[in-house]
C-alpha atoms as a PDB file:
ATOM      1  CA  MET A   1      -0.986  36.775   3.427  1.00  0.00           C
ATOM      2  CA  ASN A   2      -0.808  36.812  -0.219  1.00  0.00           C
ATOM      3  CA  PHE A   3      -2.669  33.967  -1.865  1.00  0.00           C
ATOM      4  CA  TRP A   4      -0.095  33.408  -4.622  1.00  0.00           C
ATOM      5  CA  ILE A   5       2.674  33.217  -1.956  1.00  0.00           C
ATOM      6  CA  VAL A   6       0.849  30.774   0.025  1.00  0.00           C
ATOM      7  CA  VAL A   7       0.522  28.550  -3.376  1.00  0.00           C
ATOM      8  CA  ILE A   8       4.219  28.809  -3.842  1.00  0.00           C
ATOM      9  CA  ILE A   9       5.178  28.164  -0.508  1.00  0.00           C
ATOM     10  CA  LEU A  10       3.159  24.784  -0.304  1.00  0.00           C
ATOM     11  CA  GLY A  11       4.626  24.123  -3.627  1.00  0.00           C
ATOM     12  CA  ILE A  12       8.015  24.558  -2.073  1.00  0.00           C
ATOM     13  CA  VAL A  13       6.713  22.421   1.095  1.00  0.00           C
ATOM     14  CA  GLU A  14       5.922  19.385  -1.268  1.00  0.00           C
ATOM     15  CA  GLY A  15       8.942  19.427  -3.471  1.00  0.00           C
ATOM     16  CA  LEU A  16      11.435  20.039  -0.329  1.00  0.00           C
ATOM     17  CA  THR A  17       9.524  16.959   1.699  1.00  0.00           C
ATOM     18  CA  GLU A  18       8.085  14.291  -0.363  1.00  0.00           C
ATOM     19  CA  PHE A  19      11.219  12.662  -0.922  1.00  0.00           C
ATOM     20  CA  ILE A  20      13.377  13.050   1.924  1.00  0.00           C
ATOM     21  CA  PRO A  21      12.139  10.853   5.194  1.00  0.00           C
ATOM     22  CA  VAL A  22      10.437  14.123   7.468  1.00  0.00           C
ATOM     23  CA  SER A  23       7.145  13.444   6.239  1.00  0.00           C
ATOM     24  CA  SER A  24       5.436  15.809   3.263  1.00  0.00           C
ATOM     25  CA  THR A  25       1.802  15.016   4.880  1.00  0.00           C
ATOM     26  CA  GLY A  26       2.893  16.419   8.113  1.00  0.00           C
ATOM     27  CA  HIS A  27       4.542  19.253   6.668  1.00  0.00           C
ATOM     28  CA  LEU A  28       1.625  20.234   4.564  1.00  0.00           C
ATOM     29  CA  ILE A  29      -1.006  19.565   7.290  1.00  0.00           C
ATOM     30  CA  VAL A  30       0.722  22.405   9.527  1.00  0.00           C
ATOM     31  CA  ALA A  31       1.687  24.632   6.566  1.00  0.00           C
ATOM     32  CA  ASP A  32      -2.225  24.513   5.405  1.00  0.00           C
ATOM     33  CA  GLN A  33      -3.398  25.203   9.228  1.00  0.00           C
ATOM     34  CA  LEU A  34      -0.744  28.185   9.897  1.00  0.00           C
ATOM     35  CA  LEU A  35      -1.337  29.629   6.296  1.00  0.00           C
ATOM     36  CA  HIS A  36      -5.063  29.390   6.501  1.00  0.00           C
ATOM     37  CA  PHE A  37      -5.212  28.100   2.891  1.00  0.00           C
ATOM     38  CA  ARG A  38      -8.345  26.414   2.850  1.00  0.00           C
ATOM     39  CA  GLU A  39     -10.102  29.840   4.183  1.00  0.00           C
ATOM     40  CA  MET A  40      -8.300  31.490   1.165  1.00  0.00           C
ATOM     41  CA  PHE A  41     -10.625  29.744  -1.652  1.00  0.00           C
ATOM     42  CA  GLY A  42     -14.022  30.500   0.508  1.00  0.00           C
ATOM     43  CA  THR A  43     -17.000  28.039  -0.740  1.00  0.00           C
ATOM     44  CA  GLY A  44     -15.665  24.741  -1.047  1.00  0.00           C
ATOM     45  CA  GLY A  45     -12.206  25.282   0.035  1.00  0.00           C
ATOM     46  CA  THR A  46     -11.711  22.090   1.833  1.00  0.00           C
ATOM     47  CA  GLU A  47     -11.911  20.328  -1.653  1.00  0.00           C
ATOM     48  CA  LYS A  48     -10.149  22.574  -3.526  1.00  0.00           C
ATOM     49  CA  ALA A  49      -6.863  22.415  -1.201  1.00  0.00           C
ATOM     50  CA  GLU A  50      -7.295  18.887  -1.168  1.00  0.00           C
ATOM     51  CA  LEU A  51      -7.259  18.901  -5.108  1.00  0.00           C
ATOM     52  CA  PHE A  52      -4.247  21.477  -4.904  1.00  0.00           C
ATOM     53  CA  GLU A  53      -2.510  18.872  -2.710  1.00  0.00           C
ATOM     54  CA  ILE A  54      -2.993  15.787  -5.035  1.00  0.00           C
ATOM     55  CA  VAL A  55      -1.365  18.050  -7.913  1.00  0.00           C
ATOM     56  CA  ILE A  56       1.949  19.414  -5.954  1.00  0.00           C
ATOM     57  CA  GLN A  57       2.168  15.694  -5.335  1.00  0.00           C
ATOM     58  CA  LEU A  58       1.897  14.909  -9.086  1.00  0.00           C
ATOM     59  CA  GLY A  59       4.734  17.499  -9.886  1.00  0.00           C
ATOM     60  CA  ALA A  60       6.611  16.004  -7.339  1.00  0.00           C
ATOM     61  CA  ILE A  61       6.368  12.148  -8.821  1.00  0.00           C
ATOM     62  CA  LEU A  62       6.913  13.262 -12.576  1.00  0.00           C
ATOM     63  CA  ALA A  63      10.052  14.653 -11.332  1.00  0.00           C
ATOM     64  CA  ILE A  64      11.103  11.063 -10.121  1.00  0.00           C
ATOM     65  CA  GLY A  65       9.909  10.140 -13.506  1.00  0.00           C
ATOM     66  CA  LEU A  66      12.416  12.525 -14.986  1.00  0.00           C
ATOM     67  CA  VAL A  67      15.340  11.230 -12.978  1.00  0.00           C
ATOM     68  CA  TYR A  68      15.005   7.546 -13.355  1.00  0.00           C
ATOM     69  CA  GLN A  69      13.158   7.773 -16.935  1.00  0.00           C
ATOM     70  CA  ARG A  70      15.382   5.584 -18.270  1.00  0.00           C
ATOM     71  CA  LYS A  71      15.042   2.470 -15.775  1.00  0.00           C
ATOM     72  CA  LEU A  72      11.070   3.091 -15.745  1.00  0.00           C
ATOM     73  CA  ILE A  73      10.462   3.026 -19.500  1.00  0.00           C
ATOM     74  CA  GLY A  74      12.678   0.088 -19.567  1.00  0.00           C
ATOM     75  CA  ALA A  75      11.036  -1.705 -16.595  1.00  0.00           C
ATOM     76  CA  ALA A  76       7.536  -0.853 -18.229  1.00  0.00           C
ATOM     77  CA  THR A  77       8.170  -1.876 -22.067  1.00  0.00           C
ATOM     78  CA  ARG A  78      11.512  -4.200 -22.432  1.00  0.00           C
ATOM     79  CA  SER A  79      10.358  -6.258 -19.729  1.00  0.00           C
ATOM     80  CA  PHE A  80       7.710  -7.865 -22.000  1.00  0.00           C
ATOM     81  CA  THR A  81      10.402  -8.732 -24.433  1.00  0.00           C
ATOM     82  CA  GLU A  82      13.720  -9.559 -22.972  1.00  0.00           C
ATOM     83  CA  ASN A  83      14.404 -11.518 -19.752  1.00  0.00           C
ATOM     84  CA  GLY A  84      17.087  -9.366 -18.281  1.00  0.00           C
ATOM     85  CA  PRO A  85      17.273  -6.706 -15.776  1.00  0.00           C
ATOM     86  CA  ASP A  86      14.039  -4.584 -17.134  1.00  0.00           C
ATOM     87  CA  ARG A  87      11.899  -7.776 -16.397  1.00  0.00           C
ATOM     88  CA  LYS A  88      13.489  -8.180 -12.869  1.00  0.00           C
ATOM     89  CA  LEU A  89      13.314  -4.570 -11.974  1.00  0.00           C
ATOM     90  CA  ALA A  90       9.267  -4.774 -13.368  1.00  0.00           C
ATOM     91  CA  ILE A  91       8.791  -8.014 -11.253  1.00  0.00           C
ATOM     92  CA  MET A  92      10.565  -5.990  -8.050  1.00  0.00           C
ATOM     93  CA  LEU A  93       8.278  -3.003  -8.329  1.00  0.00           C
ATOM     94  CA  LEU A  94       5.296  -4.951  -9.009  1.00  0.00           C
ATOM     95  CA  LEU A  95       6.031  -7.328  -5.896  1.00  0.00           C
ATOM     96  CA  ALA A  96       6.806  -4.284  -3.676  1.00  0.00           C
ATOM     97  CA  PHE A  97       3.722  -2.298  -4.631  1.00  0.00           C
ATOM     98  CA  ILE A  98       1.263  -5.146  -3.965  1.00  0.00           C
ATOM     99  CA  PRO A  99       0.947  -4.881  -0.156  1.00  0.00           C
ATOM    100  CA  VAL A 100       0.417  -0.877   0.028  1.00  0.00           C
ATOM    101  CA  ALA A 101      -1.945  -1.538  -2.355  1.00  0.00           C
ATOM    102  CA  ILE A 102      -4.261  -4.096  -1.206  1.00  0.00           C
ATOM    103  CA  ILE A 103      -3.898  -2.543   2.468  1.00  0.00           C
ATOM    104  CA  GLY A 104      -4.233   1.059   1.233  1.00  0.00           C
ATOM    105  CA  LYS A 105      -7.509  -0.281  -0.674  1.00  0.00           C
ATOM    106  CA  LEU A 106      -8.958  -1.591   2.148  1.00  0.00           C
ATOM    107  CA  SER A 107      -7.915   0.962   4.782  1.00  0.00           C
ATOM    108  CA  ASN A 108      -7.971   4.151   3.102  1.00  0.00           C
ATOM    109  CA  LYS A 109     -11.307   5.799   4.419  1.00  0.00           C
ATOM    110  CA  TRP A 110     -10.514   4.459   8.001  1.00  0.00           C
ATOM    111  CA  ILE A 111      -7.278   6.149   7.522  1.00  0.00           C
ATOM    112  CA  GLU A 112      -8.622   9.450   6.265  1.00  0.00           C
ATOM    113  CA  ALA A 113     -11.547   9.738   8.743  1.00  0.00           C
ATOM    114  CA  HIS A 114      -9.210   8.730  12.027  1.00  0.00           C
ATOM    115  CA  LEU A 115      -5.595   9.495  11.682  1.00  0.00           C
ATOM    116  CA  PHE A 116      -5.252  12.616   9.746  1.00  0.00           C
ATOM    117  CA  SER A 117      -4.251  14.814  12.796  1.00  0.00           C
ATOM    118  CA  SER A 118      -1.624  17.037  13.802  1.00  0.00           C
ATOM    119  CA  LYS A 119      -1.272  14.869  17.067  1.00  0.00           C
ATOM    120  CA  THR A 120      -1.295  11.888  14.955  1.00  0.00           C
ATOM    121  CA  VAL A 121       1.287  13.017  12.595  1.00  0.00           C
ATOM    122  CA  ALA A 122       3.246  14.579  15.368  1.00  0.00           C
ATOM    123  CA  GLY A 123       3.229  11.058  16.993  1.00  0.00           C
ATOM    124  CA  ALA A 124       4.521   9.654  13.738  1.00  0.00           C
ATOM    125  CA  LEU A 125       7.046  11.696  13.136  1.00  0.00           C
ATOM    126  CA  ILE A 126       8.975  11.407  16.657  1.00  0.00           C
ATOM    127  CA  VAL A 127       8.154   7.491  16.646  1.00  0.00           C
ATOM    128  CA  GLY A 128       9.949   7.565  13.203  1.00  0.00           C
ATOM    129  CA  GLY A 129      12.892   9.713  14.278  1.00  0.00           C
ATOM    130  CA  VAL A 130      13.821   7.224  16.983  1.00  0.00           C
ATOM    131  CA  LEU A 131      13.302   4.113  14.941  1.00  0.00           C
ATOM    132  CA  ILE A 132      15.702   5.756  12.149  1.00  0.00           C
ATOM    133  CA  LEU A 133      17.942   6.493  14.912  1.00  0.00           C
ATOM    134  CA  LEU A 134      17.994   2.958  16.058  1.00  0.00           C
ATOM    135  CA  ILE A 135      18.551   1.637  12.664  1.00  0.00           C
ATOM    136  CA  GLU A 136      21.224   3.723  12.090  1.00  0.00           C
ATOM    137  CA  ARG A 137      23.121   2.288  14.931  1.00  0.00           C
ATOM    138  CA  LEU A 138      22.232  -1.221  14.043  1.00  0.00           C
ATOM    139  CA  PRO A 139      25.233  -3.526  12.838  1.00  0.00           C
ATOM    140  CA  LEU A 140      23.730  -4.330   9.667  1.00  0.00           C
ATOM    141  CA  ARG A 141      25.131  -6.453   6.819  1.00  0.00           C
ATOM    142  CA  LEU A 142      24.703  -4.384   3.920  1.00  0.00           C
ATOM    143  CA  ARG A 143      25.486  -6.471   0.790  1.00  0.00           C
ATOM    144  CA  THR A 144      23.337  -5.539  -1.830  1.00  0.00           C
ATOM    145  CA  ASN A 145      24.908  -2.416  -3.983  1.00  0.00           C
ATOM    146  CA  SER A 146      22.389  -2.421  -6.771  1.00  0.00           C
ATOM    147  CA  THR A 147      19.057  -2.730  -7.943  1.00  0.00           C
ATOM    148  CA  GLU A 148      20.309  -5.224 -10.590  1.00  0.00           C
ATOM    149  CA  THR A 149      21.590  -7.277  -7.498  1.00  0.00           C
ATOM    150  CA  MET A 150      18.456  -6.809  -5.145  1.00  0.00           C
ATOM    151  CA  THR A 151      16.353 -10.210  -4.954  1.00  0.00           C
ATOM    152  CA  LEU A 152      12.447 -10.687  -4.868  1.00  0.00           C
ATOM    153  CA  GLY A 153      12.695 -11.149  -1.253  1.00  0.00           C
ATOM    154  CA  GLN A 154      14.768  -8.017  -0.498  1.00  0.00           C
ATOM    155  CA  ALA A 155      12.109  -6.018  -2.800  1.00  0.00           C
ATOM    156  CA  PHE A 156       9.026  -7.605  -1.146  1.00  0.00           C
ATOM    157  CA  SER A 157      10.470  -6.499   2.333  1.00  0.00           C
ATOM    158  CA  VAL A 158      10.765  -3.272   1.196  1.00  0.00           C
ATOM    159  CA  GLY A 159       7.161  -3.263  -0.077  1.00  0.00           C
ATOM    160  CA  CYS A 160       5.649  -4.694   3.547  1.00  0.00           C
ATOM    161  CA  ALA A 161       7.457  -1.680   4.788  1.00  0.00           C
ATOM    162  CA  GLN A 162       6.023   0.655   2.774  1.00  0.00           C
ATOM    163  CA  VAL A 163       2.701  -0.227   4.466  1.00  0.00           C
ATOM    164  CA  LEU A 164       3.655   1.794   7.169  1.00  0.00           C
ATOM    165  CA  SER A 165       3.732   5.006   5.287  1.00  0.00           C
ATOM    166  CA  LEU A 166       0.023   4.925   5.173  1.00  0.00           C
ATOM    167  CA  PHE A 167      -0.044   6.121   8.551  1.00  0.00           C
ATOM    168  CA  PRO A 168       0.065   9.926   7.996  1.00  0.00           C
ATOM    169  CA  GLY A 169       3.412  11.443   9.312  1.00  0.00           C
ATOM    170  CA  THR A 170       5.727   8.016   9.026  1.00  0.00           C
ATOM    171  CA  SER A 171       6.844   8.959   5.527  1.00  0.00           C
ATOM    172  CA  ARG A 172       7.100   6.845   2.555  1.00  0.00           C
ATOM    173  CA  SER A 173      10.767   7.405   1.656  1.00  0.00           C
ATOM    174  CA  ALA A 174      11.528   6.915   5.520  1.00  0.00           C
ATOM    175  CA  ALA A 175       9.584   3.403   5.476  1.00  0.00           C
ATOM    176  CA  THR A 176      11.137   1.740   2.359  1.00  0.00           C
ATOM    177  CA  ILE A 177      14.939   2.988   2.589  1.00  0.00           C
ATOM    178  CA  MET A 178      14.680   1.739   5.932  1.00  0.00           C
ATOM    179  CA  GLY A 179      13.365  -1.140   5.291  1.00  0.00           C
ATOM    180  CA  GLY A 180      15.769  -1.432   2.672  1.00  0.00           C
ATOM    181  CA  LEU A 181      18.572  -1.048   5.164  1.00  0.00           C
ATOM    182  CA  LEU A 182      16.888  -3.814   7.363  1.00  0.00           C
ATOM    183  CA  SER A 183      16.798  -6.416   4.120  1.00  0.00           C
ATOM    184  CA  GLY A 184      20.801  -5.766   3.586  1.00  0.00           C
ATOM    185  CA  ILE A 185      20.478  -3.264   0.917  1.00  0.00           C
ATOM    186  CA  GLU A 186      23.144  -0.405   0.806  1.00  0.00           C
ATOM    187  CA  ARG A 187      22.303   2.933   1.274  1.00  0.00           C
ATOM    188  CA  PRO A 188      22.510   4.224  -2.081  1.00  0.00           C
ATOM    189  CA  THR A 189      20.533   1.354  -3.335  1.00  0.00           C
ATOM    190  CA  ALA A 190      17.715   1.514  -0.828  1.00  0.00           C
ATOM    191  CA  THR A 191      17.134   5.153  -1.787  1.00  0.00           C
ATOM    192  CA  GLU A 192      17.377   4.544  -5.468  1.00  0.00           C
ATOM    193  CA  PHE A 193      14.562   1.595  -5.160  1.00  0.00           C
ATOM    194  CA  SER A 194      12.860   3.765  -3.016  1.00  0.00           C
ATOM    195  CA  PHE A 195      12.537   5.932  -5.696  1.00  0.00           C
ATOM    196  CA  LEU A 196      11.870   3.678  -8.211  1.00  0.00           C
ATOM    197  CA  LEU A 197       8.977   2.302  -5.682  1.00  0.00           C
ATOM    198  CA  SER A 198       7.652   5.510  -5.463  1.00  0.00           C
ATOM    199  CA  PHE A 199       6.869   6.026  -9.206  1.00  0.00           C
ATOM    200  CA  PRO A 200       4.165   3.627  -9.473  1.00  0.00           C
ATOM    201  CA  THR A 201       2.768   3.874  -5.851  1.00  0.00           C
ATOM    202  CA  MET A 202       2.300   7.584  -5.765  1.00  0.00           C
ATOM    203  CA  MET A 203       1.121   7.781  -9.810  1.00  0.00           C
ATOM    204  CA  ALA A 204      -1.629   5.138  -8.403  1.00  0.00           C
ATOM    205  CA  ALA A 205      -2.905   7.085  -5.742  1.00  0.00           C
ATOM    206  CA  THR A 206      -2.965  10.357  -7.509  1.00  0.00           C
ATOM    207  CA  ILE A 207      -4.652   9.168 -10.137  1.00  0.00           C
ATOM    208  CA  PHE A 208      -7.341   7.563  -7.999  1.00  0.00           C
ATOM    209  CA  LYS A 209      -7.404  10.771  -5.828  1.00  0.00           C
ATOM    210  CA  LEU A 210      -7.829  12.738  -9.136  1.00  0.00           C
ATOM    211  CA  TRP A 211     -10.448  10.971 -10.331  1.00  0.00           C
ATOM    212  CA  GLN A 212     -12.597  11.446  -6.892  1.00  0.00           C
ATOM    213  CA  SER A 213     -11.869  15.142  -7.305  1.00  0.00           C
ATOM    214  CA  ARG A 214     -12.386  15.897 -10.771  1.00  0.00           C
ATOM    215  CA  HIS A 215     -15.787  17.679 -10.134  1.00  0.00           C
ATOM    216  CA  VAL A 216     -13.539  20.343  -8.519  1.00  0.00           C
ATOM    217  CA  LEU A 217     -11.158  20.803 -11.669  1.00  0.00           C
ATOM    218  CA  HIS A 218     -13.740  23.279 -13.492  1.00  0.00           C
ATOM    219  CA  GLU A 219     -13.639  25.561 -10.751  1.00  0.00           C
ATOM    220  CA  ALA A 220     -11.982  28.963 -12.478  1.00  0.00           C
ATOM    221  CA  ASP A 221     -10.297  29.896  -9.040  1.00  0.00           C
ATOM    222  CA  ILE A 222      -8.298  26.629  -8.771  1.00  0.00           C
ATOM    223  CA  ARG A 223      -6.771  26.443 -12.060  1.00  0.00           C
ATOM    224  CA  GLY A 224      -3.935  28.882 -11.932  1.00  0.00           C
ATOM    225  CA  ALA A 225      -2.986  27.951  -8.338  1.00  0.00           C
ATOM    226  CA  LEU A 226      -2.699  24.239  -9.939  1.00  0.00           C
ATOM    227  CA  ILE A 227      -0.388  25.127 -12.430  1.00  0.00           C
ATOM    228  CA  VAL A 228       1.897  27.214 -10.018  1.00  0.00           C
ATOM    229  CA  GLY A 229       1.696  24.783  -7.568  1.00  0.00           C
ATOM    230  CA  PHE A 230       2.578  22.032  -9.719  1.00  0.00           C
ATOM    231  CA  LEU A 231       5.723  23.883 -11.342  1.00  0.00           C
ATOM    232  CA  VAL A 232       6.930  24.755  -8.152  1.00  0.00           C
ATOM    233  CA  SER A 233       6.825  21.561  -6.567  1.00  0.00           C
ATOM    234  CA  PHE A 234       8.249  19.712  -9.558  1.00  0.00           C
ATOM    235  CA  VAL A 235      11.322  22.008  -9.821  1.00  0.00           C
ATOM    236  CA  VAL A 236      12.116  22.002  -5.900  1.00  0.00           C
ATOM    237  CA  ALA A 237      11.540  18.044  -6.168  1.00  0.00           C
ATOM    238  CA  LEU A 238      13.882  17.840  -9.103  1.00  0.00           C
ATOM    239  CA  ALA A 239      16.923  19.329  -6.861  1.00  0.00           C
ATOM    240  CA  VAL A 240      15.738  17.601  -4.061  1.00  0.00           C
ATOM    241  CA  VAL A 241      15.978  14.355  -5.218  1.00  0.00           C
ATOM    242  CA  LYS A 242      19.452  14.914  -7.445  1.00  0.00           C
ATOM    243  CA  TRP A 243      20.968  16.158  -4.142  1.00  0.00           C
ATOM    244  CA  LEU A 244      19.884  13.464  -2.187  1.00  0.00           C
ATOM    245  CA  ILE A 245      21.227  10.657  -4.382  1.00  0.00           C
ATOM    246  CA  ARG A 246      24.414  12.785  -3.684  1.00  0.00           C
ATOM    247  CA  TYR A 247      24.024  12.883  -0.398  1.00  0.00           C
ATOM    248  CA  VAL A 248      23.605   9.051   0.559  1.00  0.00           C
ATOM    249  CA  GLN A 249      26.749   8.319  -0.877  1.00  0.00           C
ATOM    250  CA  THR A 250      28.636   9.512   2.449  1.00  0.00           C
ATOM    251  CA  HIS A 251      26.070  10.225   5.073  1.00  0.00           C
ATOM    252  CA  ASN A 252      23.400   8.402   7.020  1.00  0.00           C
ATOM    253  CA  PHE A 253      20.011   9.375   7.827  1.00  0.00           C
ATOM    254  CA  THR A 254      20.537  10.719  11.235  1.00  0.00           C
ATOM    255  CA  VAL A 255      20.199  14.325  10.892  1.00  0.00           C
ATOM    256  CA  PHE A 256      16.680  13.595   9.004  1.00  0.00           C
ATOM    257  CA  ALA A 257      15.799  11.633  12.133  1.00  0.00           C
ATOM    258  CA  VAL A 258      16.869  14.672  14.851  1.00  0.00           C
ATOM    259  CA  TYR A 259      14.866  17.053  12.445  1.00  0.00           C
ATOM    260  CA  ARG A 260      12.033  14.485  12.755  1.00  0.00           C
ATOM    261  CA  LEU A 261      11.868  14.693  16.727  1.00  0.00           C
ATOM    262  CA  LEU A 262      12.265  18.387  16.815  1.00  0.00           C
ATOM    263  CA  PHE A 263       9.615  18.948  14.326  1.00  0.00           C
ATOM    264  CA  GLY A 264       7.287  16.645  15.807  1.00  0.00           C
ATOM    265  CA  GLY A 265       7.843  18.202  19.423  1.00  0.00           C
ATOM    266  CA  LEU A 266       6.854  21.867  17.447  1.00  0.00           C
ATOM    267  CA  ILE A 267       3.543  20.412  16.299  1.00  0.00           C
ATOM    268  CA  LEU A 268       2.462  19.053  19.730  1.00  0.00           C
ATOM    269  CA  TRP A 269       3.566  22.455  21.200  1.00  0.00           C
ATOM    270  CA  LEU A 270       1.515  24.398  18.493  1.00  0.00           C
ATOM    271  CA  VAL A 271      -1.675  22.093  18.978  1.00  0.00           C
ATOM    272  CA  PHE A 272      -1.565  22.129  23.123  1.00  0.00           C
ATOM    273  CA  SER A 273      -0.376  26.135  22.668  1.00  0.00           C
ATOM    274  CA  GLY A 274      -3.911  26.682  20.678  1.00  0.00           C
ATOM    275  CA  LYS A 275      -2.045  27.647  17.490  1.00  0.00           C
ATOM    276  CA  LEU A 276      -2.694  24.327  15.824  1.00  0.00           C
ATOM    277  CA  THR A 277      -5.962  22.074  15.661  1.00  0.00           C
ATOM    278  CA  GLY A 278      -5.323  18.703  17.093  1.00  0.00           C
ATOM    279  CA  ALA A 279      -7.821  17.669  14.355  1.00  0.00           C
ATOM    280  CA  ALA A 280      -7.370  17.221  10.782  1.00  0.00           C
ATOM    281  CA  PRO A 281      -7.912  20.231   8.466  1.00  0.00           C
END
């Protein structure tokens, strides 16, 4: 397949899956292998492909920044001068960020060495799908209908749930939104807080990974792909985020749970049929 078509496809995959509860990591692992993206670069293909995935994730993150720029800027600036909703949001985001920052730092190398494989991703997709179906059927008392009325305890609970997303295939949005529902937060508000929390969380992880991969940035054969993939991911993610904000007003996540079960089953079939390797690419 043409290199630029693959670049666009991967940008679309990242933009489509980063913020809906279906695991962008799982989709990129499968797409990477099926499309032989790493092999297209030749020497150093693995490092270049990993850098590309970091950059397209950055595109998706900045889409969130654009949609929620007022709240994020307010939390980052007015929280220092005004004792109001902006300061409370900043504190809640910090509380929710701390668990994944600490545990992620301690476990990052082990996770990358042992859990980034098609089989583990498939297992996480299936288990997560079952859990979403179960949570959607619980008689939850959803009493919090805005981020302004959220408690610090609820924010911290969402942050603890976010730790589960360190396991590849879990989906950060699935973990945080379901964690929000279990904490008594209404679906639209849980989704909004999940999106807001994704910005500092993913920006921190992306900046750290970009720094680690900085030696690859000077390679001429990767620059065009980075620009195209970034732009495609940004535009697609922007559309998906706006759509999901509307979707959660009147729908639950059952359809995503079913999709996870089907996609996880498909990955296992591809692995056992030899079309996909069980190990990480």
